[in-house]
PDB file of N, CA and C in Angstrom:
ATOM      1  N   MET A   1       0.841  -1.173   0.000  1.00  0.00           N
ATOM      2  CA  MET A   1       0.000   0.000   0.000  1.00  0.00           C
ATOM      3  C   MET A   1       0.884   1.233   0.000  1.00  0.00           C
ATOM      4  N   ASN A   2       0.622   2.142  -0.910  1.00  0.00           N
ATOM      5  CA  ASN A   2       1.351   3.389  -1.003  1.00  0.00           C
ATOM      6  C   ASN A   2       0.501   4.484  -0.379  1.00  0.00           C
ATOM      7  N   GLU A   3       0.617   4.631   0.928  1.00  0.00           N
ATOM      8  CA  GLU A   3      -0.231   5.555   1.666  1.00  0.00           C
ATOM      9  C   GLU A   3       0.363   6.957   1.653  1.00  0.00           C
ATOM     10  N   ILE A   4      -0.492   7.940   1.482  1.00  0.00           N
ATOM     11  CA  ILE A   4      -0.076   9.330   1.493  1.00  0.00           C
ATOM     12  C   ILE A   4      -0.827  10.050   2.600  1.00  0.00           C
ATOM     13  N   VAL A   5      -0.102  10.697   3.515  1.00  0.00           N
ATOM     14  CA  VAL A   5      -0.751  11.523   4.522  1.00  0.00           C
ATOM     15  C   VAL A   5      -1.090  12.834   3.844  1.00  0.00           C
ATOM     16  N   VAL A   6      -2.370  13.106   3.734  1.00  0.00           N
ATOM     17  CA  VAL A   6      -2.856  14.293   3.040  1.00  0.00           C
ATOM     18  C   VAL A   6      -2.771  15.519   3.937  1.00  0.00           C
ATOM     19  N   ALA A   7      -3.086  15.338   5.220  1.00  0.00           N
ATOM     20  CA  ALA A   7      -3.087  16.473   6.133  1.00  0.00           C
ATOM     21  C   ALA A   7      -2.852  15.977   7.550  1.00  0.00           C
ATOM     22  N   ALA A   8      -2.173  16.789   8.308  1.00  0.00           N
ATOM     23  CA  ALA A   8      -2.013  16.548   9.738  1.00  0.00           C
ATOM     24  C   ALA A   8      -1.897  17.924  10.391  1.00  0.00           C
ATOM     25  N   PHE A   9      -2.737  18.172  11.359  1.00  0.00           N
ATOM     26  CA  PHE A   9      -2.721  19.491  11.971  1.00  0.00           C
ATOM     27  C   PHE A   9      -3.205  19.412  13.405  1.00  0.00           C
ATOM     28  N   GLY A  10      -2.881  20.437  14.165  1.00  0.00           N
ATOM     29  CA  GLY A  10      -3.303  20.517  15.555  1.00  0.00           C
ATOM     30  C   GLY A  10      -3.288  21.967  16.004  1.00  0.00           C
ATOM     31  N   ILE A  11      -3.697  22.182  17.216  1.00  0.00           N
ATOM     32  CA  ILE A  11      -3.688  23.528  17.780  1.00  0.00           C
ATOM     33  C   ILE A  11      -2.271  23.860  18.247  1.00  0.00           C
ATOM     34  N   THR A  12      -2.060  25.049  18.763  1.00  0.00           N
ATOM     35  CA  THR A  12      -0.758  25.423  19.278  1.00  0.00           C
ATOM     36  C   THR A  12      -0.280  24.359  20.254  1.00  0.00           C
ATOM     37  N   GLY A  13       0.946  23.950  20.097  1.00  0.00           N
ATOM     38  CA  GLY A  13       1.466  22.856  20.909  1.00  0.00           C
ATOM     39  C   GLY A  13       1.170  21.508  20.269  1.00  0.00           C
ATOM     40  N   ALA A  14       0.440  21.506  19.148  1.00  0.00           N
ATOM     41  CA  ALA A  14       0.180  20.324  18.318  1.00  0.00           C
ATOM     42  C   ALA A  14      -0.761  19.299  18.919  1.00  0.00           C
ATOM     43  N   ILE A  15      -1.445  19.619  19.993  1.00  0.00           N
ATOM     44  CA  ILE A  15      -2.395  18.649  20.552  1.00  0.00           C
ATOM     45  C   ILE A  15      -3.656  19.362  21.009  1.00  0.00           C
ATOM     46  N   PRO A  16      -4.813  18.762  20.904  1.00  0.00           N
ATOM     47  CA  PRO A  16      -5.041  17.574  20.088  1.00  0.00           C
ATOM     48  C   PRO A  16      -4.888  17.911  18.610  1.00  0.00           C
ATOM     49  N   GLY A  17      -4.880  16.883  17.787  1.00  0.00           N
ATOM     50  CA  GLY A  17      -4.696  17.093  16.361  1.00  0.00           C
ATOM     51  C   GLY A  17      -5.509  16.105  15.552  1.00  0.00           C
ATOM     52  N   MET A  18      -5.402  16.222  14.236  1.00  0.00           N
ATOM     53  CA  MET A  18      -6.110  15.319  13.339  1.00  0.00           C
ATOM     54  C   MET A  18      -5.209  15.019  12.160  1.00  0.00           C
ATOM     55  N   SER A  19      -5.239  13.784  11.708  1.00  0.00           N
ATOM     56  CA  SER A  19      -4.483  13.374  10.527  1.00  0.00           C
ATOM     57  C   SER A  19      -5.426  12.678   9.566  1.00  0.00           C
ATOM     58  N   LEU A  20      -5.143  12.827   8.282  1.00  0.00           N
ATOM     59  CA  LEU A  20      -5.955  12.228   7.234  1.00  0.00           C
ATOM     60  C   LEU A  20      -5.008  11.592   6.233  1.00  0.00           C
ATOM     61  N   SER A  21      -5.267  10.320   5.886  1.00  0.00           N
ATOM     62  CA  SER A  21      -4.436   9.654   4.889  1.00  0.00           C
ATOM     63  C   SER A  21      -5.314   9.080   3.793  1.00  0.00           C
ATOM     64  N   VAL A  22      -4.721   8.983   2.598  1.00  0.00           N
ATOM     65  CA  VAL A  22      -5.411   8.429   1.436  1.00  0.00           C
ATOM     66  C   VAL A  22      -4.451   7.462   0.753  1.00  0.00           C
ATOM     67  N   ALA A  23      -4.975   6.318   0.343  1.00  0.00           N
ATOM     68  CA  ALA A  23      -4.178   5.315  -0.353  1.00  0.00           C
ATOM     69  C   ALA A  23      -5.085   4.582  -1.326  1.00  0.00           C
ATOM     70  N   ASP A  24      -4.481   3.857  -2.231  1.00  0.00           N
ATOM     71  CA  ASP A  24      -5.275   2.998  -3.105  1.00  0.00           C
ATOM     72  C   ASP A  24      -5.923   1.907  -2.262  1.00  0.00           C
ATOM     73  N   ALA A  25      -7.177   1.628  -2.530  1.00  0.00           N
ATOM     74  CA  ALA A  25      -7.887   0.544  -1.838  1.00  0.00           C
ATOM     75  C   ALA A  25      -7.565  -0.746  -2.587  1.00  0.00           C
ATOM     76  N   ASP A  26      -6.422  -1.349  -2.253  1.00  0.00           N
ATOM     77  CA  ASP A  26      -5.929  -2.500  -2.994  1.00  0.00           C
ATOM     78  C   ASP A  26      -6.283  -3.840  -2.353  1.00  0.00           C
ATOM     79  N   ALA A  27      -7.085  -3.797  -1.311  1.00  0.00           N
ATOM     80  CA  ALA A  27      -7.558  -5.011  -0.630  1.00  0.00           C
ATOM     81  C   ALA A  27      -8.907  -4.678  -0.006  1.00  0.00           C
ATOM     82  N   PRO A  28      -9.730  -5.677   0.270  1.00  0.00           N
ATOM     83  CA  PRO A  28     -11.018  -5.389   0.903  1.00  0.00           C
ATOM     84  C   PRO A  28     -10.825  -4.694   2.260  1.00  0.00           C
ATOM     85  N   LEU A  29     -11.697  -3.747   2.550  1.00  0.00           N
ATOM     86  CA  LEU A  29     -11.665  -3.054   3.836  1.00  0.00           C
ATOM     87  C   LEU A  29     -12.364  -3.928   4.871  1.00  0.00           C
ATOM     88  N   THR A  30     -11.577  -4.454   5.788  1.00  0.00           N
ATOM     89  CA  THR A  30     -12.078  -5.320   6.849  1.00  0.00           C
ATOM     90  C   THR A  30     -11.418  -4.924   8.164  1.00  0.00           C
ATOM     91  N   ALA A  31     -11.952  -5.439   9.256  1.00  0.00           N
ATOM     92  CA  ALA A  31     -11.335  -5.205  10.570  1.00  0.00           C
ATOM     93  C   ALA A  31      -9.908  -5.754  10.587  1.00  0.00           C
ATOM     94  N   ASP A  32      -9.686  -6.913   9.980  1.00  0.00           N
ATOM     95  CA  ASP A  32      -8.335  -7.491   9.933  1.00  0.00           C
ATOM     96  C   ASP A  32      -7.369  -6.575   9.184  1.00  0.00           C
ATOM     97  N   TRP A  33      -7.830  -5.958   8.083  1.00  0.00           N
ATOM     98  CA  TRP A  33      -6.978  -5.044   7.339  1.00  0.00           C
ATOM     99  C   TRP A  33      -6.597  -3.848   8.211  1.00  0.00           C
ATOM    100  N   ILE A  34      -7.570  -3.281   8.928  1.00  0.00           N
ATOM    101  CA  ILE A  34      -7.299  -2.126   9.791  1.00  0.00           C
ATOM    102  C   ILE A  34      -6.271  -2.480  10.855  1.00  0.00           C
ATOM    103  N   VAL A  35      -6.431  -3.633  11.488  1.00  0.00           N
ATOM    104  CA  VAL A  35      -5.470  -4.054  12.518  1.00  0.00           C
ATOM    105  C   VAL A  35      -4.079  -4.211  11.911  1.00  0.00           C
ATOM    106  N   ALA A  36      -3.982  -4.899  10.771  1.00  0.00           N
ATOM    107  CA  ALA A  36      -2.679  -5.126  10.146  1.00  0.00           C
ATOM    108  C   ALA A  36      -2.001  -3.804   9.773  1.00  0.00           C
ATOM    109  N   GLN A  37      -2.739  -2.887   9.172  1.00  0.00           N
ATOM    110  CA  GLN A  37      -2.158  -1.610   8.777  1.00  0.00           C
ATOM    111  C   GLN A  37      -1.776  -0.753   9.981  1.00  0.00           C
ATOM    112  N   THR A  38      -2.609  -0.747  11.005  1.00  0.00           N
ATOM    113  CA  THR A  38      -2.294   0.045  12.199  1.00  0.00           C
ATOM    114  C   THR A  38      -1.058  -0.499  12.885  1.00  0.00           C
ATOM    115  N   ASN A  39      -0.936  -1.807  12.930  1.00  0.00           N
ATOM    116  CA  ASN A  39       0.222  -2.416  13.581  1.00  0.00           C
ATOM    117  C   ASN A  39       1.507  -2.214  12.783  1.00  0.00           C
ATOM    118  N   ASN A  40       1.392  -1.733  11.541  1.00  0.00           N
ATOM    119  CA  ASN A  40       2.561  -1.507  10.691  1.00  0.00           C
ATOM    120  C   ASN A  40       2.655  -0.073  10.187  1.00  0.00           C
ATOM    121  N   LEU A  41       2.106   0.882  10.923  1.00  0.00           N
ATOM    122  CA  LEU A  41       2.165   2.273  10.481  1.00  0.00           C
ATOM    123  C   LEU A  41       3.622   2.711  10.339  1.00  0.00           C
ATOM    124  N   PRO A  42       4.014   3.286   9.205  1.00  0.00           N
ATOM    125  CA  PRO A  42       5.419   3.592   8.967  1.00  0.00           C
ATOM    126  C   PRO A  42       5.976   4.719   9.826  1.00  0.00           C
ATOM    127  N   ASP A  43       5.157   5.672  10.215  1.00  0.00           N
ATOM    128  CA  ASP A  43       5.657   6.830  10.965  1.00  0.00           C
ATOM    129  C   ASP A  43       5.414   6.707  12.463  1.00  0.00           C
ATOM    130  N   THR A  44       5.149   5.524  12.926  1.00  0.00           N
ATOM    131  CA  THR A  44       4.852   5.344  14.338  1.00  0.00           C
ATOM    132  C   THR A  44       5.634   4.174  14.891  1.00  0.00           C
ATOM    133  N   SER A  45       5.559   4.031  16.173  1.00  0.00           N
ATOM    134  CA  SER A  45       6.214   2.927  16.847  1.00  0.00           C
ATOM    135  C   SER A  45       5.202   2.272  17.770  1.00  0.00           C
ATOM    136  N   GLY A  46       5.026   1.005  17.631  1.00  0.00           N
ATOM    137  CA  GLY A  46       4.136   0.280  18.527  1.00  0.00           C
ATOM    138  C   GLY A  46       2.674   0.549  18.289  1.00  0.00           C
ATOM    139  N   GLY A  47       2.279   0.889  17.065  1.00  0.00           N
ATOM    140  CA  GLY A  47       0.876   1.157  16.768  1.00  0.00           C
ATOM    141  C   GLY A  47       0.013  -0.063  17.037  1.00  0.00           C
ATOM    142  N   LYS A  48      -1.087   0.133  17.754  1.00  0.00           N
ATOM    143  CA  LYS A  48      -2.009  -0.955  18.089  1.00  0.00           C
ATOM    144  C   LYS A  48      -3.443  -0.454  18.101  1.00  0.00           C
ATOM    145  N   VAL A  49      -4.339  -1.255  17.552  1.00  0.00           N
ATOM    146  CA  VAL A  49      -5.769  -0.997  17.704  1.00  0.00           C
ATOM    147  C   VAL A  49      -6.125  -1.375  19.131  1.00  0.00           C
ATOM    148  N   THR A  50      -6.842  -0.504  19.835  1.00  0.00           N
ATOM    149  CA  THR A  50      -7.122  -0.731  21.259  1.00  0.00           C
ATOM    150  C   THR A  50      -8.596  -0.945  21.574  1.00  0.00           C
ATOM    151  N   SER A  51      -9.413  -1.139  20.538  1.00  0.00           N
ATOM    152  CA  SER A  51     -10.836  -1.373  20.767  1.00  0.00           C
ATOM    153  C   SER A  51     -11.336  -2.347  19.714  1.00  0.00           C
ATOM    154  N   ASP A  52     -12.576  -2.764  19.863  1.00  0.00           N
ATOM    155  CA  ASP A  52     -13.214  -3.496  18.779  1.00  0.00           C
ATOM    156  C   ASP A  52     -13.365  -2.544  17.602  1.00  0.00           C
ATOM    157  N   ILE A  53     -13.322  -3.092  16.412  1.00  0.00           N
ATOM    158  CA  ILE A  53     -13.554  -2.300  15.208  1.00  0.00           C
ATOM    159  C   ILE A  53     -15.011  -2.505  14.839  1.00  0.00           C
ATOM    160  N   GLU A  54     -15.745  -1.405  14.785  1.00  0.00           N
ATOM    161  CA  GLU A  54     -17.190  -1.483  14.587  1.00  0.00           C
ATOM    162  C   GLU A  54     -17.606  -0.729  13.334  1.00  0.00           C
ATOM    163  N   GLU A  55     -18.664  -1.232  12.694  1.00  0.00           N
ATOM    164  CA  GLU A  55     -19.245  -0.513  11.566  1.00  0.00           C
ATOM    165  C   GLU A  55     -19.940   0.734  12.088  1.00  0.00           C
ATOM    166  N   THR A  56     -19.863   1.800  11.289  1.00  0.00           N
ATOM    167  CA  THR A  56     -20.475   3.067  11.661  1.00  0.00           C
ATOM    168  C   THR A  56     -20.898   3.789  10.385  1.00  0.00           C
ATOM    169  N   THR A  57     -21.509   4.925  10.535  1.00  0.00           N
ATOM    170  CA  THR A  57     -21.890   5.765   9.404  1.00  0.00           C
ATOM    171  C   THR A  57     -21.420   7.183   9.687  1.00  0.00           C
ATOM    172  N   LEU A  58     -20.735   7.792   8.719  1.00  0.00           N
ATOM    173  CA  LEU A  58     -20.302   9.172   8.866  1.00  0.00           C
ATOM    174  C   LEU A  58     -21.493  10.101   8.700  1.00  0.00           C
ATOM    175  N   SER A  59     -21.325  11.357   9.052  1.00  0.00           N
ATOM    176  CA  SER A  59     -22.455  12.289   9.041  1.00  0.00           C
ATOM    177  C   SER A  59     -23.076  12.476   7.657  1.00  0.00           C
ATOM    178  N   ASP A  60     -22.306  12.214   6.588  1.00  0.00           N
ATOM    179  CA  ASP A  60     -22.860  12.354   5.240  1.00  0.00           C
ATOM    180  C   ASP A  60     -23.502  11.060   4.736  1.00  0.00           C
ATOM    181  N   GLY A  61     -23.585  10.042   5.600  1.00  0.00           N
ATOM    182  CA  GLY A  61     -24.196   8.771   5.235  1.00  0.00           C
ATOM    183  C   GLY A  61     -23.231   7.717   4.728  1.00  0.00           C
ATOM    184  N   THR A  62     -21.953   8.044   4.616  1.00  0.00           N
ATOM    185  CA  THR A  62     -20.948   7.098   4.143  1.00  0.00           C
ATOM    186  C   THR A  62     -20.709   6.006   5.185  1.00  0.00           C
ATOM    187  N   PRO A  63     -20.781   4.729   4.779  1.00  0.00           N
ATOM    188  CA  PRO A  63     -20.457   3.646   5.719  1.00  0.00           C
ATOM    189  C   PRO A  63     -18.953   3.638   5.994  1.00  0.00           C
ATOM    190  N   ALA A  64     -18.594   3.324   7.210  1.00  0.00           N
ATOM    191  CA  ALA A  64     -17.187   3.340   7.613  1.00  0.00           C
ATOM    192  C   ALA A  64     -16.987   2.362   8.769  1.00  0.00           C
ATOM    193  N   PHE A  65     -15.744   2.246   9.202  1.00  0.00           N
ATOM    194  CA  PHE A  65     -15.394   1.524  10.419  1.00  0.00           C
ATOM    195  C   PHE A  65     -14.825   2.535  11.407  1.00  0.00           C
ATOM    196  N   GLU A  66     -15.070   2.316  12.705  1.00  0.00           N
ATOM    197  CA  GLU A  66     -14.492   3.158  13.752  1.00  0.00           C
ATOM    198  C   GLU A  66     -13.731   2.295  14.732  1.00  0.00           C
ATOM    199  N   TYR A  67     -12.709   2.899  15.357  1.00  0.00           N
ATOM    200  CA  TYR A  67     -11.861   2.164  16.293  1.00  0.00           C
ATOM    201  C   TYR A  67     -10.986   3.153  17.060  1.00  0.00           C
ATOM    202  N   THR A  68     -10.406   2.686  18.133  1.00  0.00           N
ATOM    203  CA  THR A  68      -9.417   3.491  18.850  1.00  0.00           C
ATOM    204  C   THR A  68      -8.055   2.837  18.648  1.00  0.00           C
ATOM    205  N   LEU A  69      -7.021   3.660  18.756  1.00  0.00           N
ATOM    206  CA  LEU A  69      -5.675   3.155  18.576  1.00  0.00           C
ATOM    207  C   LEU A  69      -4.711   3.945  19.432  1.00  0.00           C
ATOM    208  N   LYS A  70      -3.539   3.373  19.600  1.00  0.00           N
ATOM    209  CA  LYS A  70      -2.461   4.069  20.294  1.00  0.00           C
ATOM    210  C   LYS A  70      -1.172   3.786  19.545  1.00  0.00           C
ATOM    211  N   TYR A  71      -0.240   4.714  19.654  1.00  0.00           N
ATOM    212  CA  TYR A  71       1.086   4.516  19.115  1.00  0.00           C
ATOM    213  C   TYR A  71       2.033   5.466  19.822  1.00  0.00           C
ATOM    214  N   ASP A  72       3.292   5.229  19.679  1.00  0.00           N
ATOM    215  CA  ASP A  72       4.301   6.071  20.300  1.00  0.00           C
ATOM    216  C   ASP A  72       4.907   6.981  19.251  1.00  0.00           C
ATOM    217  N   TYR A  73       5.023   8.252  19.593  1.00  0.00           N
ATOM    218  CA  TYR A  73       5.698   9.213  18.736  1.00  0.00           C
ATOM    219  C   TYR A  73       6.798   9.848  19.568  1.00  0.00           C
ATOM    220  N   GLN A  74       8.025   9.645  19.130  1.00  0.00           N
ATOM    221  CA  GLN A  74       9.191  10.043  19.904  1.00  0.00           C
ATOM    222  C   GLN A  74       9.053   9.413  21.282  1.00  0.00           C
ATOM    223  N   MET A  75       8.938  10.171  22.338  1.00  0.00           N
ATOM    224  CA  MET A  75       8.829   9.567  23.668  1.00  0.00           C
ATOM    225  C   MET A  75       7.413   9.654  24.231  1.00  0.00           C
ATOM    226  N   TYR A  76       6.437  10.009  23.412  1.00  0.00           N
ATOM    227  CA  TYR A  76       5.077  10.194  23.885  1.00  0.00           C
ATOM    228  C   TYR A  76       4.129   9.121  23.358  1.00  0.00           C
ATOM    229  N   GLU A  77       3.172   8.733  24.212  1.00  0.00           N
ATOM    230  CA  GLU A  77       2.118   7.833  23.764  1.00  0.00           C
ATOM    231  C   GLU A  77       0.969   8.669  23.210  1.00  0.00           C
ATOM    232  N   ILE A  78       0.579   8.355  21.985  1.00  0.00           N
ATOM    233  CA  ILE A  78      -0.526   9.017  21.323  1.00  0.00           C
ATOM    234  C   ILE A  78      -1.765   8.140  21.474  1.00  0.00           C
ATOM    235  N   LYS A  79      -2.882   8.726  21.859  1.00  0.00           N
ATOM    236  CA  LYS A  79      -4.169   8.032  21.885  1.00  0.00           C
ATOM    237  C   LYS A  79      -5.044   8.671  20.821  1.00  0.00           C
ATOM    238  N   ALA A  80      -5.782   7.838  20.062  1.00  0.00           N
ATOM    239  CA  ALA A  80      -6.528   8.371  18.929  1.00  0.00           C
ATOM    240  C   ALA A  80      -7.829   7.622  18.704  1.00  0.00           C
ATOM    241  N   PHE A  81      -8.751   8.311  18.047  1.00  0.00           N
ATOM    242  CA  PHE A  81     -10.002   7.722  17.578  1.00  0.00           C
ATOM    243  C   PHE A  81      -9.954   7.802  16.062  1.00  0.00           C
ATOM    244  N   GLY A  82     -10.190   6.683  15.389  1.00  0.00           N
ATOM    245  CA  GLY A  82     -10.079   6.664  13.942  1.00  0.00           C
ATOM    246  C   GLY A  82     -11.328   6.175  13.238  1.00  0.00           C
ATOM    247  N   VAL A  83     -11.483   6.631  11.993  1.00  0.00           N
ATOM    248  CA  VAL A  83     -12.499   6.108  11.089  1.00  0.00           C
ATOM    249  C   VAL A  83     -11.800   5.774   9.774  1.00  0.00           C
ATOM    250  N   CYS A  84     -12.364   4.784   9.069  1.00  0.00           N
ATOM    251  CA  CYS A  84     -11.775   4.330   7.813  1.00  0.00           C
ATOM    252  C   CYS A  84     -12.900   3.964   6.853  1.00  0.00           C
ATOM    253  N   THR A  85     -12.780   4.396   5.597  1.00  0.00           N
ATOM    254  CA  THR A  85     -13.783   4.094   4.587  1.00  0.00           C
ATOM    255  C   THR A  85     -13.132   4.052   3.207  1.00  0.00           C
ATOM    256  N   ASP A  86     -13.834   3.503   2.253  1.00  0.00           N
ATOM    257  CA  ASP A  86     -13.391   3.485   0.855  1.00  0.00           C
ATOM    258  C   ASP A  86     -14.319   4.349   0.016  1.00  0.00           C
ATOM    259  N   LYS A  87     -13.724   5.032  -0.980  1.00  0.00           N
ATOM    260  CA  LYS A  87     -14.520   5.844  -1.911  1.00  0.00           C
ATOM    261  C   LYS A  87     -13.774   5.909  -3.244  1.00  0.00           C
ATOM    262  N   ASP A  88     -14.437   5.493  -4.301  1.00  0.00           N
ATOM    263  CA  ASP A  88     -13.881   5.575  -5.652  1.00  0.00           C
ATOM    264  C   ASP A  88     -12.478   4.978  -5.758  1.00  0.00           C
ATOM    265  N   GLY A  89     -12.283   3.804  -5.156  1.00  0.00           N
ATOM    266  CA  GLY A  89     -10.998   3.113  -5.252  1.00  0.00           C
ATOM    267  C   GLY A  89      -9.924   3.634  -4.324  1.00  0.00           C
ATOM    268  N   LYS A  90     -10.273   4.551  -3.432  1.00  0.00           N
ATOM    269  CA  LYS A  90      -9.316   5.106  -2.469  1.00  0.00           C
ATOM    270  C   LYS A  90      -9.725   4.713  -1.058  1.00  0.00           C
ATOM    271  N   ARG A  91      -8.747   4.449  -0.222  1.00  0.00           N
ATOM    272  CA  ARG A  91      -8.963   4.145   1.194  1.00  0.00           C
ATOM    273  C   ARG A  91      -8.641   5.408   1.968  1.00  0.00           C
ATOM    274  N   ILE A  92      -9.609   5.890   2.727  1.00  0.00           N
ATOM    275  CA  ILE A  92      -9.480   7.146   3.457  1.00  0.00           C
ATOM    276  C   ILE A  92      -9.548   6.839   4.947  1.00  0.00           C
ATOM    277  N   ARG A  93      -8.512   7.278   5.666  1.00  0.00           N
ATOM    278  CA  ARG A  93      -8.478   7.089   7.112  1.00  0.00           C
ATOM    279  C   ARG A  93      -8.256   8.440   7.785  1.00  0.00           C
ATOM    280  N   ALA A  94      -8.991   8.674   8.857  1.00  0.00           N
ATOM    281  CA  ALA A  94      -8.843   9.904   9.636  1.00  0.00           C
ATOM    282  C   ALA A  94      -8.704   9.532  11.099  1.00  0.00           C
ATOM    283  N   TRP A  95      -7.796  10.234  11.794  1.00  0.00           N
ATOM    284  CA  TRP A  95      -7.597  10.029  13.223  1.00  0.00           C
ATOM    285  C   TRP A  95      -7.652  11.374  13.931  1.00  0.00           C
ATOM    286  N   VAL A  96      -8.336  11.423  15.041  1.00  0.00           N
ATOM    287  CA  VAL A  96      -8.259  12.563  15.952  1.00  0.00           C
ATOM    288  C   VAL A  96      -7.438  12.058  17.127  1.00  0.00           C
ATOM    289  N   TRP A  97      -6.360  12.759  17.460  1.00  0.00           N
ATOM    290  CA  TRP A  97      -5.384  12.210  18.403  1.00  0.00           C
ATOM    291  C   TRP A  97      -4.916  13.251  19.420  1.00  0.00           C
ATOM    292  N   THR A  98      -4.300  12.716  20.480  1.00  0.00           N
ATOM    293  CA  THR A  98      -3.756  13.578  21.525  1.00  0.00           C
ATOM    294  C   THR A  98      -2.617  12.870  22.248  1.00  0.00           C
ATOM    295  N   ILE A  99      -1.817  13.642  22.905  1.00  0.00           N
ATOM    296  CA  ILE A  99      -0.880  13.119  23.900  1.00  0.00           C
ATOM    297  C   ILE A  99      -1.600  13.277  25.227  1.00  0.00           C
ATOM    298  N   ASP A 100      -2.068  12.166  25.772  1.00  0.00           N
ATOM    299  CA  ASP A 100      -2.942  12.167  26.938  1.00  0.00           C
ATOM    300  C   ASP A 100      -2.342  12.918  28.130  1.00  0.00           C
ATOM    301  N   ALA A 101      -1.024  12.883  28.263  1.00  0.00           N
ATOM    302  CA  ALA A 101      -0.372  13.554  29.396  1.00  0.00           C
ATOM    303  C   ALA A 101      -0.526  15.073  29.319  1.00  0.00           C
ATOM    304  N   PHE A 102      -0.727  15.621  28.121  1.00  0.00           N
ATOM    305  CA  PHE A 102      -0.837  17.068  27.946  1.00  0.00           C
ATOM    306  C   PHE A 102      -2.263  17.540  27.725  1.00  0.00           C
ATOM    307  N   SER A 103      -3.032  16.755  27.006  1.00  0.00           N
ATOM    308  CA  SER A 103      -4.415  17.091  26.706  1.00  0.00           C
ATOM    309  C   SER A 103      -5.207  15.792  26.756  1.00  0.00           C
ATOM    310  N   PRO A 104      -6.035  15.598  27.778  1.00  0.00           N
ATOM    311  CA  PRO A 104      -6.695  14.302  27.987  1.00  0.00           C
ATOM    312  C   PRO A 104      -7.506  13.822  26.783  1.00  0.00           C
ATOM    313  N   TYR A 105      -7.423  12.519  26.549  1.00  0.00           N
ATOM    314  CA  TYR A 105      -8.185  11.863  25.493  1.00  0.00           C
ATOM    315  C   TYR A 105      -9.668  11.958  25.840  1.00  0.00           C
ATOM    316  N   ASP A 106     -10.487  12.390  24.889  1.00  0.00           N
ATOM    317  CA  ASP A 106     -11.929  12.534  25.080  1.00  0.00           C
ATOM    318  C   ASP A 106     -12.620  11.782  23.941  1.00  0.00           C
ATOM    319  N   GLU A 107     -12.941  10.508  24.184  1.00  0.00           N
ATOM    320  CA  GLU A 107     -13.472   9.667  23.111  1.00  0.00           C
ATOM    321  C   GLU A 107     -14.755  10.216  22.509  1.00  0.00           C
ATOM    322  N   ALA A 108     -15.655  10.731  23.320  1.00  0.00           N
ATOM    323  CA  ALA A 108     -16.918  11.257  22.783  1.00  0.00           C
ATOM    324  C   ALA A 108     -16.651  12.429  21.841  1.00  0.00           C
ATOM    325  N   LEU A 109     -15.791  13.350  22.228  1.00  0.00           N
ATOM    326  CA  LEU A 109     -15.463  14.499  21.386  1.00  0.00           C
ATOM    327  C   LEU A 109     -14.714  14.062  20.138  1.00  0.00           C
ATOM    328  N   PHE A 110     -13.721  13.195  20.293  1.00  0.00           N
ATOM    329  CA  PHE A 110     -12.920  12.766  19.146  1.00  0.00           C
ATOM    330  C   PHE A 110     -13.777  11.984  18.149  1.00  0.00           C
ATOM    331  N   SER A 111     -14.711  11.180  18.651  1.00  0.00           N
ATOM    332  CA  SER A 111     -15.630  10.446  17.778  1.00  0.00           C
ATOM    333  C   SER A 111     -16.512  11.420  17.006  1.00  0.00           C
ATOM    334  N   GLU A 112     -17.014  12.422  17.690  1.00  0.00           N
ATOM    335  CA  GLU A 112     -17.873  13.412  17.031  1.00  0.00           C
ATOM    336  C   GLU A 112     -17.112  14.118  15.915  1.00  0.00           C
ATOM    337  N   ILE A 113     -15.874  14.500  16.173  1.00  0.00           N
ATOM    338  CA  ILE A 113     -15.066  15.174  15.160  1.00  0.00           C
ATOM    339  C   ILE A 113     -14.817  14.247  13.971  1.00  0.00           C
ATOM    340  N   ALA A 114     -14.394  13.019  14.228  1.00  0.00           N
ATOM    341  CA  ALA A 114     -14.081  12.071  13.151  1.00  0.00           C
ATOM    342  C   ALA A 114     -15.305  11.753  12.307  1.00  0.00           C
ATOM    343  N   HIS A 115     -16.458  11.655  12.945  1.00  0.00           N
ATOM    344  CA  HIS A 115     -17.678  11.306  12.209  1.00  0.00           C
ATOM    345  C   HIS A 115     -18.200  12.449  11.335  1.00  0.00           C
ATOM    346  N   THR A 116     -17.701  13.674  11.505  1.00  0.00           N
ATOM    347  CA  THR A 116     -18.150  14.776  10.659  1.00  0.00           C
ATOM    348  C   THR A 116     -17.464  14.757   9.299  1.00  0.00           C
ATOM    349  N   LEU A 117     -16.516  13.856   9.095  1.00  0.00           N
ATOM    350  CA  LEU A 117     -15.849  13.721   7.812  1.00  0.00           C
ATOM    351  C   LEU A 117     -16.880  13.495   6.717  1.00  0.00           C
ATOM    352  N   SER A 118     -16.766  14.267   5.650  1.00  0.00           N
ATOM    353  CA  SER A 118     -17.668  14.147   4.509  1.00  0.00           C
ATOM    354  C   SER A 118     -16.845  13.659   3.313  1.00  0.00           C
ATOM    355  N   ILE A 119     -17.231  12.534   2.735  1.00  0.00           N
ATOM    356  CA  ILE A 119     -16.494  11.927   1.627  1.00  0.00           C
ATOM    357  C   ILE A 119     -17.191  12.250   0.318  1.00  0.00           C
ATOM    358  N   GLU A 120     -16.521  12.963  -0.564  1.00  0.00           N
ATOM    359  CA  GLU A 120     -17.125  13.319  -1.851  1.00  0.00           C
ATOM    360  C   GLU A 120     -16.338  12.771  -2.999  1.00  0.00           C
TER     361      GLU A 120
END
């Protein structure tokens, strides 16, 4: 998979933040695929899915999967809420993330933000 991070941004101090990646959808989108890709994220260390992966619907009606994950960036543990969907042969993943020690993880808020993604 040739994944491209399209955007990554955060507030001053970089937390919390959001990242968006796009890649060719070269395999079926399944919970197993999400786990395998998260466990092998190239820019992270120790990436792991930390919840069940569940089917969901984004605010625009697009079917997707949602899950929580963690990974290490430099010396910090990142906690994140992610959604993943396919559209027109592309795999789109979005994460809302934080360094819990600096800005507490808020799953309800992060889920709300991730679910507002509109896929066109």
